[in-house]
PDB file of N, CA and C in Angstrom:
ATOM      1  N   MET A   1      72.948  57.127  85.915  1.00  0.00           N
ATOM      2  CA  MET A   1      73.471  56.840  87.229  1.00  0.00           C
ATOM      3  C   MET A   1      73.407  58.125  88.067  1.00  0.00           C
ATOM      4  N   PHE A   2      72.981  58.019  89.275  1.00  0.00           N
ATOM      5  CA  PHE A   2      72.849  59.165  90.176  1.00  0.00           C
ATOM      6  C   PHE A   2      74.069  59.240  91.088  1.00  0.00           C
ATOM      7  N   HIS A   3      74.737  60.396  91.095  1.00  0.00           N
ATOM      8  CA  HIS A   3      75.899  60.595  91.954  1.00  0.00           C
ATOM      9  C   HIS A   3      75.463  61.371  93.182  1.00  0.00           C
ATOM     10  N   ASN A   4      75.862  60.918  94.338  1.00  0.00           N
ATOM     11  CA  ASN A   4      75.512  61.599  95.587  1.00  0.00           C
ATOM     12  C   ASN A   4      76.579  62.641  95.879  1.00  0.00           C
ATOM     13  N   ARG A   5      76.558  63.707  95.118  1.00  0.00           N
ATOM     14  CA  ARG A   5      77.560  64.770  95.245  1.00  0.00           C
ATOM     15  C   ARG A   5      76.986  65.891  96.103  1.00  0.00           C
ATOM     16  N   ALA A   6      77.764  66.376  97.016  1.00  0.00           N
ATOM     17  CA  ALA A   6      77.305  67.458  97.881  1.00  0.00           C
ATOM     18  C   ALA A   6      77.111  68.732  97.067  1.00  0.00           C
ATOM     19  N   MET A   7      76.083  69.457  97.406  1.00  0.00           N
ATOM     20  CA  MET A   7      75.832  70.741  96.753  1.00  0.00           C
ATOM     21  C   MET A   7      76.878  71.727  97.231  1.00  0.00           C
ATOM     22  N   PRO A   8      77.332  72.609  96.342  1.00  0.00           N
ATOM     23  CA  PRO A   8      78.356  73.562  96.776  1.00  0.00           C
ATOM     24  C   PRO A   8      77.774  74.637  97.699  1.00  0.00           C
ATOM     25  N   TYR A   9      78.661  75.208  98.492  1.00  0.00           N
ATOM     26  CA  TYR A   9      78.332  76.361  99.324  1.00  0.00           C
ATOM     27  C   TYR A   9      78.779  77.587  98.539  1.00  0.00           C
ATOM     28  N   PHE A  10      78.173  78.715  98.829  1.00  0.00           N
ATOM     29  CA  PHE A  10      78.544  79.960  98.170  1.00  0.00           C
ATOM     30  C   PHE A  10      78.935  80.977  99.232  1.00  0.00           C
ATOM     31  N   TYR A  11      79.994  81.739  98.940  1.00  0.00           N
ATOM     32  CA  TYR A  11      80.530  82.681  99.910  1.00  0.00           C
ATOM     33  C   TYR A  11      80.843  84.019  99.267  1.00  0.00           C
ATOM     34  N   GLU A  12      80.616  85.082 100.027  1.00  0.00           N
ATOM     35  CA  GLU A  12      81.082  86.401  99.631  1.00  0.00           C
ATOM     36  C   GLU A  12      82.504  86.526 100.152  1.00  0.00           C
ATOM     37  N   VAL A  13      83.423  86.882  99.255  1.00  0.00           N
ATOM     38  CA  VAL A  13      84.845  86.945  99.578  1.00  0.00           C
ATOM     39  C   VAL A  13      85.368  88.346  99.268  1.00  0.00           C
ATOM     40  N   PHE A  14      85.966  88.995 100.281  1.00  0.00           N
ATOM     41  CA  PHE A  14      86.659  90.264 100.039  1.00  0.00           C
ATOM     42  C   PHE A  14      88.050  89.927  99.559  1.00  0.00           C
ATOM     43  N   LEU A  15      88.427  90.465  98.413  1.00  0.00           N
ATOM     44  CA  LEU A  15      89.746  90.201  97.861  1.00  0.00           C
ATOM     45  C   LEU A  15      90.764  91.154  98.466  1.00  0.00           C
ATOM     46  N   ALA A  16      91.904  90.615  98.790  1.00  0.00           N
ATOM     47  CA  ALA A  16      93.004  91.412  99.334  1.00  0.00           C
ATOM     48  C   ALA A  16      94.065  91.498  98.241  1.00  0.00           C
ATOM     49  N   ASP A  17      93.719  92.196  97.176  1.00  0.00           N
ATOM     50  CA  ASP A  17      94.564  92.233  95.998  1.00  0.00           C
ATOM     51  C   ASP A  17      94.596  93.647  95.437  1.00  0.00           C
ATOM     52  N   SER A  18      95.779  94.128  95.101  1.00  0.00           N
ATOM     53  CA  SER A  18      95.924  95.506  94.617  1.00  0.00           C
ATOM     54  C   SER A  18      95.267  95.730  93.256  1.00  0.00           C
ATOM     55  N   HIS A  19      94.932  94.663  92.527  1.00  0.00           N
ATOM     56  CA  HIS A  19      94.287  94.805  91.224  1.00  0.00           C
ATOM     57  C   HIS A  19      92.763  94.853  91.331  1.00  0.00           C
ATOM     58  N   TYR A  20      92.234  94.683  92.532  1.00  0.00           N
ATOM     59  CA  TYR A  20      90.786  94.713  92.732  1.00  0.00           C
ATOM     60  C   TYR A  20      90.439  95.988  93.486  1.00  0.00           C
ATOM     61  N   HIS A  21      89.649  96.858  92.873  1.00  0.00           N
ATOM     62  CA  HIS A  21      89.383  98.179  93.445  1.00  0.00           C
ATOM     63  C   HIS A  21      87.909  98.412  93.722  1.00  0.00           C
ATOM     64  N   SER A  22      87.238  97.438  94.282  1.00  0.00           N
ATOM     65  CA  SER A  22      85.817  97.601  94.572  1.00  0.00           C
ATOM     66  C   SER A  22      85.581  97.504  96.078  1.00  0.00           C
ATOM     67  N   SER A  23      84.505  98.091  96.515  1.00  0.00           N
ATOM     68  CA  SER A  23      84.154  97.985  97.931  1.00  0.00           C
ATOM     69  C   SER A  23      83.165  96.844  98.155  1.00  0.00           C
ATOM     70  N   HIS A  24      82.947  96.030  97.116  1.00  0.00           N
ATOM     71  CA  HIS A  24      82.010  94.911  97.214  1.00  0.00           C
ATOM     72  C   HIS A  24      82.751  93.583  97.128  1.00  0.00           C
ATOM     73  N   PRO A  25      82.301  92.593  97.884  1.00  0.00           N
ATOM     74  CA  PRO A  25      82.913  91.263  97.779  1.00  0.00           C
ATOM     75  C   PRO A  25      82.457  90.571  96.501  1.00  0.00           C
ATOM     76  N   LEU A  26      83.182  89.536  96.110  1.00  0.00           N
ATOM     77  CA  LEU A  26      82.800  88.697  94.983  1.00  0.00           C
ATOM     78  C   LEU A  26      82.274  87.375  95.531  1.00  0.00           C
ATOM     79  N   THR A  27      81.443  86.700  94.766  1.00  0.00           N
ATOM     80  CA  THR A  27      80.866  85.426  95.209  1.00  0.00           C
ATOM     81  C   THR A  27      81.633  84.271  94.565  1.00  0.00           C
ATOM     82  N   TYR A  28      82.035  83.329  95.404  1.00  0.00           N
ATOM     83  CA  TYR A  28      82.740  82.122  94.969  1.00  0.00           C
ATOM     84  C   TYR A  28      82.037  80.909  95.543  1.00  0.00           C
ATOM     85  N   SER A  29      82.343  79.737  94.990  1.00  0.00           N
ATOM     86  CA  SER A  29      81.754  78.494  95.484  1.00  0.00           C
ATOM     87  C   SER A  29      82.825  77.632  96.141  1.00  0.00           C
ATOM     88  N   SER A  30      82.357  76.710  96.985  1.00  0.00           N
ATOM     89  CA  SER A  30      83.259  75.772  97.651  1.00  0.00           C
ATOM     90  C   SER A  30      82.491  74.497  97.960  1.00  0.00           C
ATOM     91  N   GLU A  31      83.171  73.379  97.842  1.00  0.00           N
ATOM     92  CA  GLU A  31      82.565  72.097  98.212  1.00  0.00           C
ATOM     93  C   GLU A  31      82.575  71.926  99.731  1.00  0.00           C
ATOM     94  N   GLU A  32      83.389  72.719 100.408  1.00  0.00           N
ATOM     95  CA  GLU A  32      83.522  72.613 101.863  1.00  0.00           C
ATOM     96  C   GLU A  32      82.828  73.774 102.553  1.00  0.00           C
ATOM     97  N   LYS A  33      82.366  73.523 103.755  1.00  0.00           N
ATOM     98  CA  LYS A  33      81.795  74.586 104.580  1.00  0.00           C
ATOM     99  C   LYS A  33      82.968  75.355 105.192  1.00  0.00           C
ATOM    100  N   LEU A  34      82.959  76.675 105.047  1.00  0.00           N
ATOM    101  CA  LEU A  34      84.050  77.515 105.527  1.00  0.00           C
ATOM    102  C   LEU A  34      83.563  78.459 106.615  1.00  0.00           C
ATOM    103  N   GLN A  35      84.481  78.845 107.494  1.00  0.00           N
ATOM    104  CA  GLN A  35      84.165  79.777 108.572  1.00  0.00           C
ATOM    105  C   GLN A  35      84.277  81.215 108.072  1.00  0.00           C
ATOM    106  N   PRO A  36      83.504  82.121 108.679  1.00  0.00           N
ATOM    107  CA  PRO A  36      83.703  83.541 108.367  1.00  0.00           C
ATOM    108  C   PRO A  36      85.146  83.948 108.689  1.00  0.00           C
ATOM    109  N   LEU A  37      85.708  84.796 107.856  1.00  0.00           N
ATOM    110  CA  LEU A  37      87.077  85.312 107.947  1.00  0.00           C
ATOM    111  C   LEU A  37      88.146  84.263 107.648  1.00  0.00           C
ATOM    112  N   ALA A  38      87.732  83.116 107.055  1.00  0.00           N
ATOM    113  CA  ALA A  38      88.722  82.142 106.590  1.00  0.00           C
ATOM    114  C   ALA A  38      89.552  82.817 105.498  1.00  0.00           C
ATOM    115  N   ILE A  39      90.843  82.515 105.470  1.00  0.00           N
ATOM    116  CA  ILE A  39      91.751  83.091 104.480  1.00  0.00           C
ATOM    117  C   ILE A  39      91.859  82.078 103.336  1.00  0.00           C
ATOM    118  N   VAL A  40      91.525  82.527 102.122  1.00  0.00           N
ATOM    119  CA  VAL A  40      91.443  81.621 100.982  1.00  0.00           C
ATOM    120  C   VAL A  40      92.216  82.164  99.784  1.00  0.00           C
ATOM    121  N   THR A  41      92.477  81.273  98.837  1.00  0.00           N
ATOM    122  CA  THR A  41      93.035  81.644  97.537  1.00  0.00           C
ATOM    123  C   THR A  41      91.927  81.459  96.514  1.00  0.00           C
ATOM    124  N   VAL A  42      91.702  82.504  95.710  1.00  0.00           N
ATOM    125  CA  VAL A  42      90.640  82.468  94.702  1.00  0.00           C
ATOM    126  C   VAL A  42      91.174  82.959  93.359  1.00  0.00           C
ATOM    127  N   PRO A  43      90.549  82.513  92.261  1.00  0.00           N
ATOM    128  CA  PRO A  43      90.956  83.039  90.955  1.00  0.00           C
ATOM    129  C   PRO A  43      90.407  84.453  90.753  1.00  0.00           C
ATOM    130  N   LEU A  44      91.240  85.315  90.228  1.00  0.00           N
ATOM    131  CA  LEU A  44      90.851  86.675  89.869  1.00  0.00           C
ATOM    132  C   LEU A  44      91.432  86.941  88.492  1.00  0.00           C
ATOM    133  N   GLN A  45      90.591  86.984  87.496  1.00  0.00           N
ATOM    134  CA  GLN A  45      90.992  87.076  86.098  1.00  0.00           C
ATOM    135  C   GLN A  45      91.929  85.916  85.787  1.00  0.00           C
ATOM    136  N   LYS A  46      93.175  86.175  85.404  1.00  0.00           N
ATOM    137  CA  LYS A  46      94.085  85.081  85.025  1.00  0.00           C
ATOM    138  C   LYS A  46      95.118  84.783  86.100  1.00  0.00           C
ATOM    139  N   ARG A  47      94.864  85.206  87.341  1.00  0.00           N
ATOM    140  CA  ARG A  47      95.839  84.986  88.411  1.00  0.00           C
ATOM    141  C   ARG A  47      95.122  84.550  89.676  1.00  0.00           C
ATOM    142  N   MET A  48      95.887  84.226  90.693  1.00  0.00           N
ATOM    143  CA  MET A  48      95.336  83.847  91.992  1.00  0.00           C
ATOM    144  C   MET A  48      95.457  85.041  92.942  1.00  0.00           C
ATOM    145  N   ALA A  49      94.488  85.176  93.831  1.00  0.00           N
ATOM    146  CA  ALA A  49      94.479  86.272  94.792  1.00  0.00           C
ATOM    147  C   ALA A  49      94.096  85.737  96.158  1.00  0.00           C
ATOM    148  N   SER A  50      94.579  86.406  97.208  1.00  0.00           N
ATOM    149  CA  SER A  50      94.177  86.077  98.572  1.00  0.00           C
ATOM    150  C   SER A  50      92.863  86.780  98.860  1.00  0.00           C
ATOM    151  N   GLY A  51      92.072  86.168  99.714  1.00  0.00           N
ATOM    152  CA  GLY A  51      90.807  86.773 100.081  1.00  0.00           C
ATOM    153  C   GLY A  51      90.333  86.289 101.433  1.00  0.00           C
ATOM    154  N   PHE A  52      89.289  86.938 101.927  1.00  0.00           N
ATOM    155  CA  PHE A  52      88.709  86.617 103.229  1.00  0.00           C
ATOM    156  C   PHE A  52      87.231  86.312 103.047  1.00  0.00           C
ATOM    157  N   VAL A  53      86.805  85.149 103.507  1.00  0.00           N
ATOM    158  CA  VAL A  53      85.397  84.786 103.452  1.00  0.00           C
ATOM    159  C   VAL A  53      84.651  85.686 104.432  1.00  0.00           C
ATOM    160  N   MET A  54      83.661  86.417 103.926  1.00  0.00           N
ATOM    161  CA  MET A  54      82.905  87.310 104.802  1.00  0.00           C
ATOM    162  C   MET A  54      81.645  86.634 105.335  1.00  0.00           C
ATOM    163  N   ARG A  55      80.929  85.969 104.456  1.00  0.00           N
ATOM    164  CA  ARG A  55      79.721  85.286 104.913  1.00  0.00           C
ATOM    165  C   ARG A  55      79.276  84.302 103.858  1.00  0.00           C
ATOM    166  N   GLN A  56      78.454  83.346 104.289  1.00  0.00           N
ATOM    167  CA  GLN A  56      77.853  82.418 103.358  1.00  0.00           C
ATOM    168  C   GLN A  56      76.745  83.158 102.615  1.00  0.00           C
ATOM    169  N   ALA A  57      76.575  82.853 101.343  1.00  0.00           N
ATOM    170  CA  ALA A  57      75.584  83.533 100.510  1.00  0.00           C
ATOM    171  C   ALA A  57      74.617  82.511  99.908  1.00  0.00           C
ATOM    172  N   ASP A  58      73.487  83.005  99.469  1.00  0.00           N
ATOM    173  CA  ASP A  58      72.548  82.162  98.724  1.00  0.00           C
ATOM    174  C   ASP A  58      73.135  81.867  97.349  1.00  0.00           C
ATOM    175  N   LYS A  59      72.646  80.812  96.734  1.00  0.00           N
ATOM    176  CA  LYS A  59      73.107  80.471  95.391  1.00  0.00           C
ATOM    177  C   LYS A  59      72.769  81.632  94.454  1.00  0.00           C
ATOM    178  N   PRO A  60      73.787  82.192  93.780  1.00  0.00           N
ATOM    179  CA  PRO A  60      73.514  83.316  92.873  1.00  0.00           C
ATOM    180  C   PRO A  60      72.904  82.839  91.561  1.00  0.00           C
ATOM    181  N   LYS A  61      72.407  83.781  90.785  1.00  0.00           N
ATOM    182  CA  LYS A  61      71.807  83.473  89.488  1.00  0.00           C
ATOM    183  C   LYS A  61      72.853  83.410  88.383  1.00  0.00           C
ATOM    184  N   PHE A  62      74.111  83.538  88.745  1.00  0.00           N
ATOM    185  CA  PHE A  62      75.205  83.501  87.778  1.00  0.00           C
ATOM    186  C   PHE A  62      76.183  82.401  88.173  1.00  0.00           C
ATOM    187  N   ASN A  63      77.036  81.996  87.243  1.00  0.00           N
ATOM    188  CA  ASN A  63      78.054  80.983  87.523  1.00  0.00           C
ATOM    189  C   ASN A  63      79.140  81.583  88.398  1.00  0.00           C
ATOM    190  N   THR A  64      79.663  80.781  89.277  1.00  0.00           N
ATOM    191  CA  THR A  64      80.738  81.237  90.159  1.00  0.00           C
ATOM    192  C   THR A  64      81.987  80.402  89.925  1.00  0.00           C
ATOM    193  N   LYS A  65      83.111  80.993  90.253  1.00  0.00           N
ATOM    194  CA  LYS A  65      84.383  80.268  90.223  1.00  0.00           C
ATOM    195  C   LYS A  65      84.582  79.631  91.591  1.00  0.00           C
ATOM    196  N   PRO A  66      85.291  78.503  91.635  1.00  0.00           N
ATOM    197  CA  PRO A  66      85.509  77.838  92.927  1.00  0.00           C
ATOM    198  C   PRO A  66      86.663  78.457  93.715  1.00  0.00           C
ATOM    199  N   ILE A  67      86.539  78.421  95.020  1.00  0.00           N
ATOM    200  CA  ILE A  67      87.655  78.763  95.902  1.00  0.00           C
ATOM    201  C   ILE A  67      88.701  77.683  95.698  1.00  0.00           C
ATOM    202  N   LYS A  68      89.954  78.082  95.442  1.00  0.00           N
ATOM    203  CA  LYS A  68      91.001  77.108  95.112  1.00  0.00           C
ATOM    204  C   LYS A  68      91.632  76.466  96.337  1.00  0.00           C
ATOM    205  N   ALA A  69      91.803  77.230  97.423  1.00  0.00           N
ATOM    206  CA  ALA A  69      92.474  76.660  98.592  1.00  0.00           C
ATOM    207  C   ALA A  69      92.127  77.432  99.848  1.00  0.00           C
ATOM    208  N   LEU A  70      92.149  76.726 100.951  1.00  0.00           N
ATOM    209  CA  LEU A  70      92.049  77.321 102.275  1.00  0.00           C
ATOM    210  C   LEU A  70      93.485  77.541 102.730  1.00  0.00           C
ATOM    211  N   MET A  71      93.874  78.789 102.963  1.00  0.00           N
ATOM    212  CA  MET A  71      95.276  79.098 103.258  1.00  0.00           C
ATOM    213  C   MET A  71      95.652  78.869 104.716  1.00  0.00           C
ATOM    214  N   SER A  72      94.675  78.884 105.612  1.00  0.00           N
ATOM    215  CA  SER A  72      94.972  78.712 107.025  1.00  0.00           C
ATOM    216  C   SER A  72      93.813  77.993 107.691  1.00  0.00           C
ATOM    217  N   SER A  73      94.130  77.107 108.624  1.00  0.00           N
ATOM    218  CA  SER A  73      93.064  76.434 109.360  1.00  0.00           C
ATOM    219  C   SER A  73      92.452  77.371 110.400  1.00  0.00           C
ATOM    220  N   GLN A  74      93.104  78.496 110.680  1.00  0.00           N
ATOM    221  CA  GLN A  74      92.602  79.492 111.628  1.00  0.00           C
ATOM    222  C   GLN A  74      92.099  80.715 110.861  1.00  0.00           C
ATOM    223  N   PRO A  75      90.851  81.130 111.098  1.00  0.00           N
ATOM    224  CA  PRO A  75      90.367  82.344 110.420  1.00  0.00           C
ATOM    225  C   PRO A  75      91.034  83.591 110.988  1.00  0.00           C
ATOM    226  N   LEU A  76      90.913  84.691 110.277  1.00  0.00           N
ATOM    227  CA  LEU A  76      91.417  85.978 110.733  1.00  0.00           C
ATOM    228  C   LEU A  76      90.682  86.356 112.015  1.00  0.00           C
ATOM    229  N   PRO A  77      91.377  86.787 113.059  1.00  0.00           N
ATOM    230  CA  PRO A  77      90.683  87.196 114.289  1.00  0.00           C
ATOM    231  C   PRO A  77      89.733  88.370 114.033  1.00  0.00           C
ATOM    232  N   ASN A  78      88.617  88.374 114.730  1.00  0.00           N
ATOM    233  CA  ASN A  78      87.589  89.395 114.540  1.00  0.00           C
ATOM    234  C   ASN A  78      88.115  90.805 114.801  1.00  0.00           C
ATOM    235  N   HIS A  79      89.061  90.955 115.744  1.00  0.00           N
ATOM    236  CA  HIS A  79      89.583  92.299 116.019  1.00  0.00           C
ATOM    237  C   HIS A  79      90.370  92.847 114.814  1.00  0.00           C
ATOM    238  N   CYS A  80      90.910  91.972 113.979  1.00  0.00           N
ATOM    239  CA  CYS A  80      91.593  92.425 112.758  1.00  0.00           C
ATOM    240  C   CYS A  80      90.584  92.973 111.754  1.00  0.00           C
ATOM    241  N   LEU A  81      89.414  92.353 111.673  1.00  0.00           N
ATOM    242  CA  LEU A  81      88.360  92.875 110.797  1.00  0.00           C
ATOM    243  C   LEU A  81      87.920  94.252 111.274  1.00  0.00           C
ATOM    244  N   LYS A  82      87.760  94.424 112.581  1.00  0.00           N
ATOM    245  CA  LYS A  82      87.365  95.733 113.124  1.00  0.00           C
ATOM    246  C   LYS A  82      88.429  96.785 112.826  1.00  0.00           C
ATOM    247  N   LEU A  83      89.699  96.415 112.945  1.00  0.00           N
ATOM    248  CA  LEU A  83      90.780  97.344 112.622  1.00  0.00           C
ATOM    249  C   LEU A  83      90.764  97.696 111.128  1.00  0.00           C
ATOM    250  N   ALA A  84      90.526  96.702 110.279  1.00  0.00           N
ATOM    251  CA  ALA A  84      90.449  96.960 108.830  1.00  0.00           C
ATOM    252  C   ALA A  84      89.286  97.897 108.507  1.00  0.00           C
ATOM    253  N   GLN A  85      88.162  97.725 109.190  1.00  0.00           N
ATOM    254  CA  GLN A  85      87.019  98.624 108.968  1.00  0.00           C
ATOM    255  C   GLN A  85      87.378 100.050 109.393  1.00  0.00           C
ATOM    256  N   TRP A  86      88.095 100.186 110.512  1.00  0.00           N
ATOM    257  CA  TRP A  86      88.525 101.503 110.974  1.00  0.00           C
ATOM    258  C   TRP A  86      89.496 102.121 109.959  1.00  0.00           C
ATOM    259  N   LEU A  87      90.465 101.319 109.482  1.00  0.00           N
ATOM    260  CA  LEU A  87      91.431 101.805 108.492  1.00  0.00           C
ATOM    261  C   LEU A  87      90.715 102.289 107.230  1.00  0.00           C
ATOM    262  N   ALA A  88      89.731 101.527 106.772  1.00  0.00           N
ATOM    263  CA  ALA A  88      88.989 101.902 105.567  1.00  0.00           C
ATOM    264  C   ALA A  88      88.271 103.239 105.772  1.00  0.00           C
ATOM    265  N   ASP A  89      87.662 103.418 106.945  1.00  0.00           N
ATOM    266  CA  ASP A  89      86.964 104.683 107.236  1.00  0.00           C
ATOM    267  C   ASP A  89      87.955 105.833 107.365  1.00  0.00           C
ATOM    268  N   TYR A  90      89.016 105.633 108.121  1.00  0.00           N
ATOM    269  CA  TYR A  90      89.982 106.695 108.410  1.00  0.00           C
ATOM    270  C   TYR A  90      90.707 107.161 107.144  1.00  0.00           C
ATOM    271  N   TYR A  91      91.103 106.193 106.302  1.00  0.00           N
ATOM    272  CA  TYR A  91      91.867 106.537 105.102  1.00  0.00           C
ATOM    273  C   TYR A  91      91.005 106.646 103.847  1.00  0.00           C
ATOM    274  N   CYS A  92      89.681 106.619 104.017  1.00  0.00           N
ATOM    275  CA  CYS A  92      88.742 106.742 102.882  1.00  0.00           C
ATOM    276  C   CYS A  92      89.104 105.784 101.754  1.00  0.00           C
ATOM    277  N   THR A  93      89.235 104.524 102.100  1.00  0.00           N
ATOM    278  CA  THR A  93      89.566 103.497 101.113  1.00  0.00           C
ATOM    279  C   THR A  93      88.536 102.377 101.216  1.00  0.00           C
ATOM    280  N   THR A  94      88.674 101.378 100.379  1.00  0.00           N
ATOM    281  CA  THR A  94      87.741 100.248 100.426  1.00  0.00           C
ATOM    282  C   THR A  94      88.147  99.285 101.529  1.00  0.00           C
ATOM    283  N   LEU A  95      87.184  98.519 102.004  1.00  0.00           N
ATOM    284  CA  LEU A  95      87.491  97.493 102.996  1.00  0.00           C
ATOM    285  C   LEU A  95      88.450  96.468 102.402  1.00  0.00           C
ATOM    286  N   SER A  96      88.308  96.191 101.126  1.00  0.00           N
ATOM    287  CA  SER A  96      89.201  95.259 100.445  1.00  0.00           C
ATOM    288  C   SER A  96      90.652  95.732 100.523  1.00  0.00           C
ATOM    289  N   ASP A  97      90.891  97.027 100.278  1.00  0.00           N
ATOM    290  CA  ASP A  97      92.247  97.575 100.377  1.00  0.00           C
ATOM    291  C   ASP A  97      92.768  97.497 101.814  1.00  0.00           C
ATOM    292  N   ALA A  98      91.930  97.802 102.770  1.00  0.00           N
ATOM    293  CA  ALA A  98      92.357  97.765 104.172  1.00  0.00           C
ATOM    294  C   ALA A  98      92.661  96.337 104.613  1.00  0.00           C
ATOM    295  N   MET A  99      91.905  95.384 104.147  1.00  0.00           N
ATOM    296  CA  MET A  99      92.122  93.986 104.550  1.00  0.00           C
ATOM    297  C   MET A  99      93.382  93.410 103.932  1.00  0.00           C
ATOM    298  N   ARG A 100      93.890  94.049 102.880  1.00  0.00           N
ATOM    299  CA  ARG A 100      95.144  93.597 102.269  1.00  0.00           C
ATOM    300  C   ARG A 100      96.290  93.604 103.275  1.00  0.00           C
ATOM    301  N   GLN A 101      96.192  94.450 104.291  1.00  0.00           N
ATOM    302  CA  GLN A 101      97.238  94.521 105.315  1.00  0.00           C
ATOM    303  C   GLN A 101      97.324  93.229 106.128  1.00  0.00           C
ATOM    304  N   PHE A 102      96.271  92.433 106.125  1.00  0.00           N
ATOM    305  CA  PHE A 102      96.213  91.212 106.921  1.00  0.00           C
ATOM    306  C   PHE A 102      96.364  89.947 106.078  1.00  0.00           C
ATOM    307  N   ALA A 103      96.559  90.102 104.791  1.00  0.00           N
ATOM    308  CA  ALA A 103      96.638  88.965 103.883  1.00  0.00           C
ATOM    309  C   ALA A 103      98.081  88.501 103.714  1.00  0.00           C
ATOM    310  N   PRO A 104      98.270  87.223 103.419  1.00  0.00           N
ATOM    311  CA  PRO A 104      99.611  86.746 103.063  1.00  0.00           C
ATOM    312  C   PRO A 104     100.109  87.527 101.848  1.00  0.00           C
ATOM    313  N   THR A 105     101.409  87.724 101.753  1.00  0.00           N
ATOM    314  CA  THR A 105     101.950  88.537 100.665  1.00  0.00           C
ATOM    315  C   THR A 105     101.753  87.902  99.300  1.00  0.00           C
ATOM    316  N   LYS A 106     101.742  86.576  99.231  1.00  0.00           N
ATOM    317  CA  LYS A 106     101.515  85.899  97.960  1.00  0.00           C
ATOM    318  C   LYS A 106     100.469  84.818  98.179  1.00  0.00           C
ATOM    319  N   PRO A 107      99.432  84.789  97.338  1.00  0.00           N
ATOM    320  CA  PRO A 107      98.464  83.705  97.461  1.00  0.00           C
ATOM    321  C   PRO A 107      99.126  82.386  97.099  1.00  0.00           C
ATOM    322  N   ALA A 108      98.699  81.341  97.730  1.00  0.00           N
ATOM    323  CA  ALA A 108      99.300  80.037  97.483  1.00  0.00           C
ATOM    324  C   ALA A 108      98.233  78.960  97.543  1.00  0.00           C
ATOM    325  N   ILE A 109      98.507  77.900  96.852  1.00  0.00           N
ATOM    326  CA  ILE A 109      97.678  76.712  96.966  1.00  0.00           C
ATOM    327  C   ILE A 109      98.555  75.681  97.632  1.00  0.00           C
ATOM    328  N   ARG A 110      98.242  75.405  98.879  1.00  0.00           N
ATOM    329  CA  ARG A 110      99.084  74.492  99.649  1.00  0.00           C
ATOM    330  C   ARG A 110      98.248  73.718 100.650  1.00  0.00           C
ATOM    331  N   ARG A 111      98.858  72.681 101.196  1.00  0.00           N
ATOM    332  CA  ARG A 111      98.203  71.885 102.225  1.00  0.00           C
ATOM    333  C   ARG A 111      98.299  72.599 103.565  1.00  0.00           C
ATOM    334  N   THR A 112      97.273  72.409 104.393  1.00  0.00           N
ATOM    335  CA  THR A 112      97.338  72.970 105.741  1.00  0.00           C
ATOM    336  C   THR A 112      97.885  71.949 106.727  1.00  0.00           C
ATOM    337  N   GLN A 113      98.032  70.682 106.298  1.00  0.00           N
ATOM    338  CA  GLN A 113      98.588  69.634 107.149  1.00  0.00           C
ATOM    339  C   GLN A 113      99.929  69.183 106.571  1.00  0.00           C
ATOM    340  N   PRO A 114     100.973  69.025 107.396  1.00  0.00           N
ATOM    341  CA  PRO A 114     102.246  68.512 106.877  1.00  0.00           C
ATOM    342  C   PRO A 114     102.073  67.089 106.345  1.00  0.00           C
ATOM    343  N   GLU A 115     102.873  66.726 105.344  1.00  0.00           N
ATOM    344  CA  GLU A 115     102.816  65.374 104.790  1.00  0.00           C
ATOM    345  C   GLU A 115     103.252  64.347 105.818  1.00  0.00           C
ATOM    346  N   HIS A 116     102.692  63.166 105.727  1.00  0.00           N
ATOM    347  CA  HIS A 116     103.061  62.012 106.552  1.00  0.00           C
ATOM    348  C   HIS A 116     102.937  62.307 108.049  1.00  0.00           C
ATOM    349  N   ASP A 117     102.032  63.176 108.428  1.00  0.00           N
ATOM    350  CA  ASP A 117     101.790  63.514 109.833  1.00  0.00           C
ATOM    351  C   ASP A 117     103.052  63.922 110.578  1.00  0.00           C
ATOM    352  N   GLN A 118     104.018  64.488 109.889  1.00  0.00           N
ATOM    353  CA  GLN A 118     105.226  64.964 110.539  1.00  0.00           C
ATOM    354  C   GLN A 118     104.986  66.366 111.049  1.00  0.00           C
ATOM    355  N   SER A 119     105.429  66.607 112.249  1.00  0.00           N
ATOM    356  CA  SER A 119     105.298  67.943 112.821  1.00  0.00           C
ATOM    357  C   SER A 119     106.293  68.869 112.150  1.00  0.00           C
ATOM    358  N   ILE A 120     105.906  70.113 111.989  1.00  0.00           N
ATOM    359  CA  ILE A 120     106.818  71.106 111.415  1.00  0.00           C
ATOM    360  C   ILE A 120     108.016  71.308 112.335  1.00  0.00           C
ATOM    361  N   THR A 121     107.818  71.142 113.628  1.00  0.00           N
ATOM    362  CA  THR A 121     108.895  71.337 114.597  1.00  0.00           C
ATOM    363  C   THR A 121     109.675  70.047 114.868  1.00  0.00           C
ATOM    364  N   ALA A 122     109.440  69.001 114.069  1.00  0.00           N
ATOM    365  CA  ALA A 122     110.129  67.721 114.304  1.00  0.00           C
ATOM    366  C   ALA A 122     111.637  67.828 114.076  1.00  0.00           C
ATOM    367  N   THR A 123     112.065  68.675 113.174  1.00  0.00           N
ATOM    368  CA  THR A 123     113.490  68.848 112.909  1.00  0.00           C
ATOM    369  C   THR A 123     113.974  70.131 113.566  1.00  0.00           C
ATOM    370  N   PRO A 124     115.063  70.063 114.317  1.00  0.00           N
ATOM    371  CA  PRO A 124     115.539  71.303 114.949  1.00  0.00           C
ATOM    372  C   PRO A 124     116.005  72.309 113.908  1.00  0.00           C
ATOM    373  N   ALA A 125     115.760  73.591 114.171  1.00  0.00           N
ATOM    374  CA  ALA A 125     116.153  74.656 113.257  1.00  0.00           C
ATOM    375  C   ALA A 125     117.660  74.859 113.271  1.00  0.00           C
ATOM    376  N   VAL A 126     118.288  74.639 114.414  1.00  0.00           N
ATOM    377  CA  VAL A 126     119.738  74.803 114.546  1.00  0.00           C
ATOM    378  C   VAL A 126     120.315  73.471 114.995  1.00  0.00           C
ATOM    379  N   GLN A 127     121.318  72.999 114.279  1.00  0.00           N
ATOM    380  CA  GLN A 127     121.958  71.734 114.661  1.00  0.00           C
ATOM    381  C   GLN A 127     123.253  72.033 115.378  1.00  0.00           C
ATOM    382  N   ILE A 128     123.436  71.395 116.500  1.00  0.00           N
ATOM    383  CA  ILE A 128     124.651  71.627 117.306  1.00  0.00           C
ATOM    384  C   ILE A 128     125.611  70.481 117.155  1.00  0.00           C
TER     385      ILE A 128
END
């Protein structure tokens, strides 16, 4: 039986994780097309890490791990990437370390849409 399954996309992802000390991105796969600078959760060894999609890549000659979640429907603004590049140059660090300043403090696998189409602001924060 032939399954009409979409081919995965491949992305270079800069990890924003203190346990990753390279100036090179890692390649991950995704069933969805993602925008540059999308904020994602990816597996790194035995834990989850936040990362930033830098660009779409060709299919590598090695197996890749899948991107686990899209953390935000809005990508990181381009001026933040420019600031991270400046920080990396100024402080003689990796771009990955500099981009950690723009990452969520804890990677998460969560929905980007509220359940049952309820607005987050539907309930007042303060009840009078």
